[in-house]
Amino acid sequence: MMKTSELREKTLEELEVQLKSLYKDQFNWRMQQASGQLSKVHLMKSVRQNISRVKTIITEKHEAGV
């Protein structure tokens, strides 16, 4: 799980890279789940939460004009 305080310290570029990485993880786990290979189903929920955290911080930074 990512901490919000750590995410706030990152730049917009770093957050965009982090978001792309999370989307790739989500896609890979979704494919594993569909084929019945995903044994740790809790990962789907945690990756969705992490994506939401990153997107929220990106929005806050855009609104603040950083």
N, C-alpha and C. Protein backbone atom coordinates (compact mmCIF):
# COMPACT_ATOMS: atom_id res chain seq x y z
N MET A 1 0.84 -1.17 0.00
CA MET A 1 0.00 0.00 0.00
C MET A 1 0.89 1.24 0.00
N MET A 2 0.52 2.19 -0.81
CA MET A 2 1.27 3.43 -0.90
C MET A 2 0.77 4.42 0.14
N LYS A 3 1.68 5.19 0.67
CA LYS A 3 1.29 6.23 1.62
C LYS A 3 1.05 7.53 0.85
N THR A 4 0.01 8.23 1.22
CA THR A 4 -0.34 9.47 0.56
C THR A 4 0.76 10.51 0.73
N SER A 5 1.38 10.53 1.89
CA SER A 5 2.44 11.51 2.15
C SER A 5 3.62 11.31 1.20
N GLU A 6 3.94 10.05 0.89
CA GLU A 6 5.03 9.77 -0.04
C GLU A 6 4.66 10.21 -1.45
N LEU A 7 3.39 10.04 -1.82
CA LEU A 7 2.95 10.43 -3.15
C LEU A 7 2.97 11.95 -3.32
N ARG A 8 2.64 12.67 -2.26
CA ARG A 8 2.62 14.14 -2.35
C ARG A 8 4.01 14.72 -2.60
N GLU A 9 5.05 14.00 -2.22
CA GLU A 9 6.42 14.47 -2.40
C GLU A 9 6.91 14.29 -3.83
N LYS A 10 6.24 13.47 -4.61
CA LYS A 10 6.67 13.19 -5.98
C LYS A 10 6.23 14.28 -6.93
N THR A 11 6.94 14.40 -8.04
CA THR A 11 6.58 15.37 -9.07
C THR A 11 5.46 14.79 -9.92
N LEU A 12 4.85 15.64 -10.75
CA LEU A 12 3.79 15.18 -11.64
C LEU A 12 4.28 14.10 -12.59
N GLU A 13 5.49 14.24 -13.09
CA GLU A 13 6.04 13.24 -14.01
C GLU A 13 6.20 11.89 -13.33
N GLU A 14 6.69 11.92 -12.10
CA GLU A 14 6.85 10.67 -11.34
C GLU A 14 5.49 10.03 -11.06
N LEU A 15 4.50 10.86 -10.78
CA LEU A 15 3.16 10.33 -10.53
C LEU A 15 2.56 9.71 -11.79
N GLU A 16 2.80 10.33 -12.94
CA GLU A 16 2.30 9.78 -14.20
C GLU A 16 2.93 8.42 -14.49
N VAL A 17 4.23 8.29 -14.22
CA VAL A 17 4.92 7.01 -14.41
C VAL A 17 4.35 5.97 -13.46
N GLN A 18 4.12 6.37 -12.22
CA GLN A 18 3.54 5.47 -11.22
C GLN A 18 2.16 5.01 -11.65
N LEU A 19 1.36 5.92 -12.19
CA LEU A 19 0.01 5.59 -12.62
C LEU A 19 0.03 4.58 -13.77
N LYS A 20 0.93 4.78 -14.73
CA LYS A 20 1.04 3.84 -15.85
C LYS A 20 1.44 2.45 -15.35
N SER A 21 2.34 2.42 -14.40
CA SER A 21 2.77 1.15 -13.83
C SER A 21 1.61 0.44 -13.13
N LEU A 22 0.80 1.20 -12.40
CA LEU A 22 -0.35 0.62 -11.72
C LEU A 22 -1.38 0.08 -12.71
N TYR A 23 -1.60 0.81 -13.81
CA TYR A 23 -2.54 0.34 -14.83
C TYR A 23 -2.04 -0.97 -15.47
N LYS A 24 -0.72 -1.08 -15.67
CA LYS A 24 -0.16 -2.32 -16.23
C LYS A 24 -0.36 -3.48 -15.26
N ASP A 25 -0.10 -3.21 -13.98
CA ASP A 25 -0.30 -4.25 -12.96
C ASP A 25 -1.76 -4.69 -12.94
N GLN A 26 -2.67 -3.71 -12.98
CA GLN A 26 -4.09 -4.03 -12.95
C GLN A 26 -4.48 -4.89 -14.15
N PHE A 27 -3.98 -4.54 -15.31
CA PHE A 27 -4.29 -5.31 -16.51
C PHE A 27 -3.76 -6.74 -16.39
N ASN A 28 -2.52 -6.89 -15.95
CA ASN A 28 -1.92 -8.22 -15.81
C ASN A 28 -2.69 -9.08 -14.81
N TRP A 29 -3.06 -8.48 -13.68
CA TRP A 29 -3.81 -9.25 -12.67
C TRP A 29 -5.20 -9.59 -13.15
N ARG A 30 -5.81 -8.70 -13.95
CA ARG A 30 -7.14 -8.99 -14.48
C ARG A 30 -7.06 -10.17 -15.46
N MET A 31 -6.01 -10.22 -16.26
CA MET A 31 -5.84 -11.34 -17.19
C MET A 31 -5.60 -12.64 -16.42
N GLN A 32 -4.81 -12.57 -15.35
CA GLN A 32 -4.56 -13.77 -14.54
C GLN A 32 -5.85 -14.23 -13.88
N GLN A 33 -6.65 -13.28 -13.42
CA GLN A 33 -7.91 -13.64 -12.76
C GLN A 33 -8.86 -14.29 -13.76
N ALA A 34 -8.91 -13.77 -14.96
CA ALA A 34 -9.81 -14.33 -15.98
C ALA A 34 -9.41 -15.75 -16.37
N SER A 35 -8.11 -16.02 -16.33
CA SER A 35 -7.66 -17.37 -16.69
C SER A 35 -7.57 -18.29 -15.48
N GLY A 36 -7.94 -17.78 -14.30
CA GLY A 36 -7.95 -18.62 -13.11
C GLY A 36 -6.60 -18.80 -12.47
N GLN A 37 -5.62 -17.97 -12.80
CA GLN A 37 -4.27 -18.12 -12.26
C GLN A 37 -3.98 -17.19 -11.09
N LEU A 38 -4.85 -16.23 -10.84
CA LEU A 38 -4.61 -15.25 -9.77
C LEU A 38 -4.98 -15.86 -8.43
N SER A 39 -3.98 -16.09 -7.58
CA SER A 39 -4.24 -16.69 -6.28
C SER A 39 -4.43 -15.64 -5.19
N LYS A 40 -3.92 -14.42 -5.43
CA LYS A 40 -4.03 -13.35 -4.43
C LYS A 40 -5.04 -12.32 -4.93
N VAL A 41 -6.31 -12.62 -4.73
CA VAL A 41 -7.38 -11.78 -5.27
C VAL A 41 -7.45 -10.41 -4.60
N HIS A 42 -6.85 -10.26 -3.43
CA HIS A 42 -6.85 -8.97 -2.75
C HIS A 42 -6.04 -7.92 -3.51
N LEU A 43 -5.18 -8.36 -4.42
CA LEU A 43 -4.37 -7.42 -5.19
C LEU A 43 -5.23 -6.53 -6.08
N MET A 44 -6.35 -7.05 -6.56
CA MET A 44 -7.23 -6.26 -7.43
C MET A 44 -7.76 -5.04 -6.67
N LYS A 45 -8.18 -5.24 -5.43
CA LYS A 45 -8.71 -4.13 -4.65
C LYS A 45 -7.61 -3.12 -4.32
N SER A 46 -6.45 -3.61 -3.92
CA SER A 46 -5.38 -2.69 -3.52
C SER A 46 -4.86 -1.88 -4.71
N VAL A 47 -4.80 -2.48 -5.90
CA VAL A 47 -4.32 -1.72 -7.05
C VAL A 47 -5.33 -0.65 -7.44
N ARG A 48 -6.63 -0.94 -7.31
CA ARG A 48 -7.66 0.08 -7.59
C ARG A 48 -7.54 1.24 -6.61
N GLN A 49 -7.31 0.93 -5.35
CA GLN A 49 -7.17 1.97 -4.34
C GLN A 49 -5.93 2.82 -4.61
N ASN A 50 -4.83 2.18 -4.99
CA ASN A 50 -3.60 2.91 -5.28
C ASN A 50 -3.76 3.81 -6.50
N ILE A 51 -4.47 3.33 -7.52
CA ILE A 51 -4.74 4.15 -8.70
C ILE A 51 -5.54 5.38 -8.28
N SER A 52 -6.53 5.20 -7.44
CA SER A 52 -7.34 6.32 -6.97
C SER A 52 -6.50 7.32 -6.19
N ARG A 53 -5.61 6.82 -5.35
CA ARG A 53 -4.74 7.72 -4.58
C ARG A 53 -3.88 8.57 -5.50
N VAL A 54 -3.25 7.94 -6.49
CA VAL A 54 -2.37 8.66 -7.40
C VAL A 54 -3.15 9.67 -8.22
N LYS A 55 -4.32 9.28 -8.72
CA LYS A 55 -5.13 10.20 -9.52
C LYS A 55 -5.60 11.39 -8.68
N THR A 56 -5.92 11.17 -7.42
CA THR A 56 -6.33 12.26 -6.54
C THR A 56 -5.19 13.25 -6.33
N ILE A 57 -3.99 12.75 -6.10
CA ILE A 57 -2.83 13.62 -5.89
C ILE A 57 -2.52 14.40 -7.16
N ILE A 58 -2.63 13.75 -8.32
CA ILE A 58 -2.39 14.44 -9.59
C ILE A 58 -3.39 15.57 -9.76
N THR A 59 -4.66 15.32 -9.46
CA THR A 59 -5.69 16.34 -9.57
C THR A 59 -5.41 17.50 -8.62
N GLU A 60 -5.01 17.18 -7.39
CA GLU A 60 -4.71 18.23 -6.43
C GLU A 60 -3.56 19.11 -6.91
N LYS A 61 -2.54 18.47 -7.48
CA LYS A 61 -1.38 19.23 -7.96
C LYS A 61 -1.75 20.11 -9.16
N HIS A 62 -2.61 19.59 -10.03
CA HIS A 62 -3.07 20.39 -11.17
C HIS A 62 -3.86 21.60 -10.70
N GLU A 63 -4.74 21.40 -9.74
CA GLU A 63 -5.55 22.51 -9.23
C GLU A 63 -4.72 23.54 -8.49
N ALA A 64 -3.64 23.08 -7.85
CA ALA A 64 -2.76 23.99 -7.10
C ALA A 64 -1.81 24.72 -8.05
N GLY A 65 -1.73 24.24 -9.29
CA GLY A 65 -0.85 24.88 -10.26
C GLY A 65 0.61 24.54 -10.11
N VAL A 66 0.89 23.39 -9.55
CA VAL A 66 2.27 22.96 -9.35
C VAL A 66 2.84 22.41 -10.62
